[in-house]
């Protein structure tokens, strides 16, 4: 799996489970308590190599003291085949498996964990660095946007690096799941 591997245990995800929030807000926004929350539009062309999640993680790796050590929690129902062996993160309605690796490559966690190579098109569901400086959340059922909880400086850097794709929101704010314009 290159530099991504199952975490030793689920302890690194404990901070997610301690949050006294509804599971839906947790999987859509990550944990509460960050200075800023932003929603970022997914790429319309679905190009995994240039995905906005990949771009966001590249930028966010500059806003952590632990860029070489991050975590990705992936919904256990993602792969459509037997799950890899990894510690379980018991989020209600979204039981996840926990992996670890350098922040910049965690966008490839689902395809690497299930298939052994990158590029299958799915995004990681929750990603954070060891120092918990931010949390990126891609809810399983969303196709329009993903969220990042972070510092004000990191939210500004995201907005500058992804012009027109980033909007500031409040934690738990209702947001559309699907593009209903079709």
Protein backbone atom coordinates (compact mmCIF):
# COMPACT_ATOMS: atom_id res chain seq x y z
CA UNK A 1 0.00 0.00 0.00
CA UNK A 2 2.93 2.34 -0.60
CA UNK A 3 3.21 4.53 2.51
CA UNK A 4 -0.38 4.03 3.64
CA UNK A 5 -1.04 1.24 6.13
CA UNK A 6 -3.65 0.27 8.71
CA UNK A 7 -3.27 2.25 11.94
CA UNK A 8 -1.96 0.32 14.95
CA UNK A 9 -5.27 0.84 16.76
CA UNK A 10 -8.28 3.19 16.72
CA UNK A 11 -6.98 5.46 19.51
CA UNK A 12 -6.06 8.25 17.06
CA UNK A 13 -9.76 8.59 16.17
CA UNK A 14 -10.85 8.96 19.79
CA UNK A 15 -11.06 12.75 19.51
CA UNK A 16 -13.74 12.35 16.83
CA UNK A 17 -15.86 10.13 19.03
CA UNK A 18 -15.59 12.43 22.07
CA UNK A 19 -17.39 15.22 20.26
CA UNK A 20 -20.91 15.66 21.60
CA UNK A 21 -22.48 16.13 18.16
CA UNK A 22 -24.90 14.29 15.95
CA UNK A 23 -23.23 11.62 13.78
CA UNK A 24 -24.46 13.41 10.64
CA UNK A 25 -22.64 16.64 11.54
CA UNK A 26 -19.53 14.64 12.44
CA UNK A 27 -19.33 12.87 9.08
CA UNK A 28 -20.13 16.06 7.12
CA UNK A 29 -17.99 18.57 9.06
CA UNK A 30 -15.59 16.60 11.25
CA UNK A 31 -15.44 17.48 14.94
CA UNK A 32 -16.58 20.87 16.27
CA UNK A 33 -14.24 23.47 17.72
CA UNK A 34 -12.13 24.72 14.80
CA UNK A 35 -11.76 28.46 14.16
CA UNK A 36 -13.14 28.13 10.63
CA UNK A 37 -15.18 25.71 8.54
CA UNK A 38 -15.25 25.76 4.76
CA UNK A 39 -17.07 23.77 2.10
CA UNK A 40 -15.10 23.01 -1.07
CA UNK A 41 -16.68 22.00 -4.39
CA UNK A 42 -15.63 18.63 -5.81
CA UNK A 43 -14.17 18.72 -9.35
CA UNK A 44 -16.92 18.49 -11.96
CA UNK A 45 -14.83 16.22 -14.22
CA UNK A 46 -13.98 13.72 -11.47
CA UNK A 47 -10.28 13.67 -12.40
CA UNK A 48 -8.70 11.89 -9.42
CA UNK A 49 -5.18 13.07 -10.20
CA UNK A 50 -6.23 16.72 -9.94
CA UNK A 51 -9.04 16.30 -7.42
CA UNK A 52 -9.81 19.12 -5.07
CA UNK A 53 -9.45 16.75 -2.12
CA UNK A 54 -5.89 16.01 -3.26
CA UNK A 55 -5.24 19.75 -3.74
CA UNK A 56 -6.75 20.58 -0.34
CA UNK A 57 -4.61 17.94 1.42
CA UNK A 58 -1.51 19.27 -0.32
CA UNK A 59 -2.30 22.78 0.99
CA UNK A 60 -3.34 21.54 4.44
CA UNK A 61 -0.06 19.64 4.82
CA UNK A 62 1.53 23.09 5.13
CA UNK A 63 -0.78 23.87 8.08
CA UNK A 64 0.23 21.09 10.43
CA UNK A 65 3.33 20.30 12.44
CA UNK A 66 2.90 16.61 11.50
CA UNK A 67 2.63 16.47 7.67
CA UNK A 68 4.34 13.07 7.56
CA UNK A 69 1.84 11.46 9.90
CA UNK A 70 -1.88 11.69 9.27
CA UNK A 71 -4.95 9.48 9.49
CA UNK A 72 -7.73 8.57 7.09
CA UNK A 73 -10.97 6.94 8.19
CA UNK A 74 -12.80 5.16 5.37
CA UNK A 75 -16.40 3.93 5.50
CA UNK A 76 -16.31 0.14 5.75
CA UNK A 77 -18.97 -0.22 3.06
CA UNK A 78 -16.98 1.64 0.44
CA UNK A 79 -15.13 -1.07 -1.47
CA UNK A 80 -17.91 -3.39 -2.55
CA UNK A 81 -15.66 -6.33 -1.68
CA UNK A 82 -14.12 -7.77 1.50
CA UNK A 83 -12.72 -5.05 3.74
CA UNK A 84 -9.01 -4.78 4.45
CA UNK A 85 -7.94 -5.49 8.02
CA UNK A 86 -7.75 -2.21 9.94
CA UNK A 87 -8.89 -0.80 13.29
CA UNK A 88 -12.59 0.03 13.46
CA UNK A 89 -13.85 3.56 14.24
CA UNK A 90 -17.44 3.07 15.50
CA UNK A 91 -19.17 6.19 14.17
CA UNK A 92 -22.95 5.55 14.25
CA UNK A 93 -24.34 4.78 10.78
CA UNK A 94 -20.82 5.16 9.28
CA UNK A 95 -18.50 2.58 10.82
CA UNK A 96 -15.06 3.34 9.43
CA UNK A 97 -11.65 1.69 9.11
CA UNK A 98 -8.55 3.65 10.16
CA UNK A 99 -5.36 4.03 8.10
CA UNK A 100 -2.24 6.14 8.50
CA UNK A 101 0.36 7.72 6.23
CA UNK A 102 1.75 11.06 5.03
CA UNK A 103 -0.98 13.71 4.75
CA UNK A 104 -0.39 14.51 1.07
CA UNK A 105 -1.08 10.95 -0.11
CA UNK A 106 -4.03 10.11 2.14
CA UNK A 107 -6.40 11.02 -0.71
CA UNK A 108 -5.46 7.62 -2.22
CA UNK A 109 -6.32 5.63 0.91
CA UNK A 110 -9.58 4.00 -0.28
CA UNK A 111 -8.20 2.60 -3.52
CA UNK A 112 -4.85 1.63 -2.00
CA UNK A 113 -6.46 -0.12 0.97
CA UNK A 114 -9.03 -2.05 -1.05
CA UNK A 115 -7.27 -2.58 -4.38
CA UNK A 116 -3.56 -2.00 -3.76
CA UNK A 117 -3.15 0.86 -6.24
CA UNK A 118 -4.28 4.51 -6.46
CA UNK A 119 -6.85 6.07 -8.73
CA UNK A 120 -10.17 4.32 -8.19
CA UNK A 121 -11.98 7.63 -7.77
CA UNK A 122 -13.28 7.45 -4.18
CA UNK A 123 -12.27 10.04 -1.63
CA UNK A 124 -11.26 9.37 1.99
CA UNK A 125 -14.12 10.12 4.37
CA UNK A 126 -12.31 11.73 7.32
CA UNK A 127 -8.67 12.88 7.19
CA UNK A 128 -6.59 14.65 9.86
CA UNK A 129 -2.95 15.08 10.84
CA UNK A 130 -1.58 13.62 14.07
CA UNK A 131 -1.54 17.09 15.69
CA UNK A 132 -5.27 17.51 14.90
CA UNK A 133 -4.65 20.95 13.36
CA UNK A 134 -7.56 20.40 10.96
CA UNK A 135 -10.02 17.76 9.73
CA UNK A 136 -11.24 17.15 6.19
CA UNK A 137 -14.64 15.43 5.85
CA UNK A 138 -16.11 13.83 2.71
CA UNK A 139 -19.50 12.35 3.58
CA UNK A 140 -20.24 9.10 1.75
CA UNK A 141 -23.51 10.36 0.27
CA UNK A 142 -22.36 13.79 -0.90
CA UNK A 143 -21.47 14.63 -4.47
CA UNK A 144 -21.25 18.44 -4.46
CA UNK A 145 -18.87 19.51 -1.68
CA UNK A 146 -16.65 18.35 1.16
CA UNK A 147 -15.76 20.21 4.37
CA UNK A 148 -12.63 21.28 6.21
CA UNK A 149 -12.47 22.45 9.82
CA UNK A 150 -9.25 24.37 10.39
CA UNK A 151 -7.55 27.60 11.47
CA UNK A 152 -8.42 30.93 9.88
CA UNK A 153 -5.03 30.97 8.15
CA UNK A 154 -5.59 27.50 6.66
CA UNK A 155 -9.07 28.45 5.43
CA UNK A 156 -7.61 31.55 3.75
CA UNK A 157 -4.86 29.47 2.12
CA UNK A 158 -7.48 27.01 0.81
CA UNK A 159 -9.54 29.87 -0.63
CA UNK A 160 -6.47 31.32 -2.36
CA UNK A 161 -5.29 27.99 -3.76
CA UNK A 162 -8.77 26.91 -4.95
CA UNK A 163 -10.33 30.16 -6.21
CA UNK A 164 -14.10 30.05 -6.57
CA UNK A 165 -14.39 26.57 -5.04
CA UNK A 166 -14.27 27.47 -1.32
CA UNK A 167 -17.03 29.02 0.78
CA UNK A 168 -17.06 29.77 4.50
CA UNK A 169 -19.80 28.04 6.55
CA UNK A 170 -20.85 27.49 10.15
CA UNK A 171 -20.44 24.08 11.77
CA UNK A 172 -23.48 21.91 11.06
CA UNK A 173 -24.97 24.33 8.54
CA UNK A 174 -27.38 22.57 6.16
CA UNK A 175 -25.84 22.06 2.73
CA UNK A 176 -27.06 20.31 -0.42
CA UNK A 177 -25.98 16.69 -0.94
CA UNK A 178 -26.67 16.28 -4.64
CA UNK A 179 -26.76 18.37 -7.76
CA UNK A 180 -30.49 18.60 -8.43
CA UNK A 181 -30.10 20.65 -11.63
CA UNK A 182 -30.14 17.54 -13.88
